[in-house]
């Protein structure tokens, strides 16, 4: 019974090791490296797009504040507390 247990354990561990090594070898092939690089570049592009959207939003809010402060929004004599959030 003991030998059967160790045989089963050895087969299981061997199968897991082979699967891990196969996956690691696939990542090191040119196709695997290209796939990894493509995924990384798409994540960077998405992060840059999100950042640009945040900058545009903040820029628009600040422009409204500045226009209200100098009276270019049609309300002469606006007070700073009128346009702060």
C-alpha atoms as a PDB file:
ATOM      1  CA  UNK A   1       0.000   0.000   0.000  1.00  0.00           C
ATOM      2  CA  UNK A   2       2.870   2.321   0.823  1.00  0.00           C
ATOM      3  CA  UNK A   3       4.479   1.817  -2.575  1.00  0.00           C
ATOM      4  CA  UNK A   4       1.216   2.569  -4.341  1.00  0.00           C
ATOM      5  CA  UNK A   5       0.904   5.849  -2.403  1.00  0.00           C
ATOM      6  CA  UNK A   6       4.435   6.932  -3.315  1.00  0.00           C
ATOM      7  CA  UNK A   7       3.942   5.895  -6.925  1.00  0.00           C
ATOM      8  CA  UNK A   8       0.778   7.992  -7.152  1.00  0.00           C
ATOM      9  CA  UNK A   9       2.480  10.936  -5.465  1.00  0.00           C
ATOM     10  CA  UNK A  10       5.445  10.678  -7.838  1.00  0.00           C
ATOM     11  CA  UNK A  11       3.215  10.588 -10.906  1.00  0.00           C
ATOM     12  CA  UNK A  12       1.247  13.612  -9.675  1.00  0.00           C
ATOM     13  CA  UNK A  13       4.332  15.686  -8.873  1.00  0.00           C
ATOM     14  CA  UNK A  14       5.969  14.655 -12.149  1.00  0.00           C
ATOM     15  CA  UNK A  15       2.894  15.733 -14.119  1.00  0.00           C
ATOM     16  CA  UNK A  16       2.811  19.112 -12.381  1.00  0.00           C
ATOM     17  CA  UNK A  17       6.517  19.683 -13.015  1.00  0.00           C
ATOM     18  CA  UNK A  18       6.166  18.812 -16.700  1.00  0.00           C
ATOM     19  CA  UNK A  19       3.220  21.206 -17.100  1.00  0.00           C
ATOM     20  CA  UNK A  20       5.124  24.038 -15.419  1.00  0.00           C
ATOM     21  CA  UNK A  21       8.240  23.446 -17.503  1.00  0.00           C
ATOM     22  CA  UNK A  22       6.199  23.312 -20.697  1.00  0.00           C
ATOM     23  CA  UNK A  23       4.501  26.612 -19.852  1.00  0.00           C
ATOM     24  CA  UNK A  24       7.866  28.231 -19.021  1.00  0.00           C
ATOM     25  CA  UNK A  25       9.399  26.953 -22.262  1.00  0.00           C
ATOM     26  CA  UNK A  26       6.450  28.310 -24.261  1.00  0.00           C
ATOM     27  CA  UNK A  27       6.897  31.756 -22.674  1.00  0.00           C
ATOM     28  CA  UNK A  28      10.522  31.783 -23.831  1.00  0.00           C
ATOM     29  CA  UNK A  29       9.718  31.106 -27.481  1.00  0.00           C
ATOM     30  CA  UNK A  30       9.527  34.069 -29.886  1.00  0.00           C
ATOM     31  CA  UNK A  31       5.727  33.744 -30.046  1.00  0.00           C
ATOM     32  CA  UNK A  32       5.462  33.692 -26.248  1.00  0.00           C
ATOM     33  CA  UNK A  33       7.687  36.742 -25.885  1.00  0.00           C
ATOM     34  CA  UNK A  34       5.700  38.618 -28.557  1.00  0.00           C
ATOM     35  CA  UNK A  35       2.430  37.765 -26.809  1.00  0.00           C
ATOM     36  CA  UNK A  36       3.773  38.986 -23.469  1.00  0.00           C
ATOM     37  CA  UNK A  37       5.109  42.180 -25.025  1.00  0.00           C
ATOM     38  CA  UNK A  38       1.823  42.862 -26.808  1.00  0.00           C
ATOM     39  CA  UNK A  39      -0.110  42.464 -23.562  1.00  0.00           C
ATOM     40  CA  UNK A  40       2.260  44.791 -21.722  1.00  0.00           C
ATOM     41  CA  UNK A  41       2.110  47.460 -24.425  1.00  0.00           C
ATOM     42  CA  UNK A  42      -1.683  47.396 -24.495  1.00  0.00           C
ATOM     43  CA  UNK A  43      -1.763  47.890 -20.711  1.00  0.00           C
ATOM     44  CA  UNK A  44       0.631  50.849 -21.004  1.00  0.00           C
ATOM     45  CA  UNK A  45      -1.470  52.385 -23.791  1.00  0.00           C
ATOM     46  CA  UNK A  46      -4.628  51.996 -21.709  1.00  0.00           C
ATOM     47  CA  UNK A  47      -2.962  53.647 -18.701  1.00  0.00           C
ATOM     48  CA  UNK A  48      -1.789  56.563 -20.851  1.00  0.00           C
ATOM     49  CA  UNK A  49      -5.307  56.989 -22.258  1.00  0.00           C
ATOM     50  CA  UNK A  50      -6.806  57.019 -18.760  1.00  0.00           C
ATOM     51  CA  UNK A  51      -4.241  59.596 -17.643  1.00  0.00           C
ATOM     52  CA  UNK A  52      -4.950  61.814 -20.659  1.00  0.00           C
ATOM     53  CA  UNK A  53      -8.684  61.656 -19.920  1.00  0.00           C
ATOM     54  CA  UNK A  54      -8.081  62.698 -16.316  1.00  0.00           C
ATOM     55  CA  UNK A  55      -5.886  65.590 -17.472  1.00  0.00           C
ATOM     56  CA  UNK A  56      -8.566  66.775 -19.935  1.00  0.00           C
ATOM     57  CA  UNK A  57     -11.236  66.682 -17.238  1.00  0.00           C
ATOM     58  CA  UNK A  58      -9.102  68.597 -14.737  1.00  0.00           C
ATOM     59  CA  UNK A  59      -8.086  71.082 -17.423  1.00  0.00           C
ATOM     60  CA  UNK A  60     -11.720  71.812 -18.260  1.00  0.00           C
ATOM     61  CA  UNK A  61     -12.622  72.320 -14.603  1.00  0.00           C
ATOM     62  CA  UNK A  62      -9.671  74.646 -14.060  1.00  0.00           C
ATOM     63  CA  UNK A  63     -10.548  76.631 -17.188  1.00  0.00           C
ATOM     64  CA  UNK A  64     -14.081  77.155 -15.845  1.00  0.00           C
ATOM     65  CA  UNK A  65     -12.641  78.371 -12.542  1.00  0.00           C
ATOM     66  CA  UNK A  66     -10.287  80.787 -14.291  1.00  0.00           C
ATOM     67  CA  UNK A  67     -13.013  82.124 -16.595  1.00  0.00           C
ATOM     68  CA  UNK A  68     -15.291  82.691 -13.609  1.00  0.00           C
ATOM     69  CA  UNK A  69     -12.461  84.405 -11.741  1.00  0.00           C
ATOM     70  CA  UNK A  70     -11.696  86.916 -14.500  1.00  0.00           C
ATOM     71  CA  UNK A  71     -15.326  87.469 -15.490  1.00  0.00           C
ATOM     72  CA  UNK A  72     -15.277  85.765 -18.896  1.00  0.00           C
ATOM     73  CA  UNK A  73     -18.234  83.543 -18.001  1.00  0.00           C
ATOM     74  CA  UNK A  74     -20.773  86.362 -18.287  1.00  0.00           C
ATOM     75  CA  UNK A  75     -21.007  87.008 -14.543  1.00  0.00           C
ATOM     76  CA  UNK A  76     -19.033  90.078 -13.657  1.00  0.00           C
ATOM     77  CA  UNK A  77     -17.950  90.350 -10.062  1.00  0.00           C
ATOM     78  CA  UNK A  78     -17.974  86.642  -9.292  1.00  0.00           C
ATOM     79  CA  UNK A  79     -16.502  85.711  -5.927  1.00  0.00           C
ATOM     80  CA  UNK A  80     -14.022  82.813  -5.486  1.00  0.00           C
ATOM     81  CA  UNK A  81     -16.498  80.956  -3.250  1.00  0.00           C
ATOM     82  CA  UNK A  82     -19.024  81.007  -6.122  1.00  0.00           C
ATOM     83  CA  UNK A  83     -16.941  78.677  -8.270  1.00  0.00           C
ATOM     84  CA  UNK A  84     -15.119  76.422  -5.823  1.00  0.00           C
ATOM     85  CA  UNK A  85     -16.320  72.899  -5.398  1.00  0.00           C
END
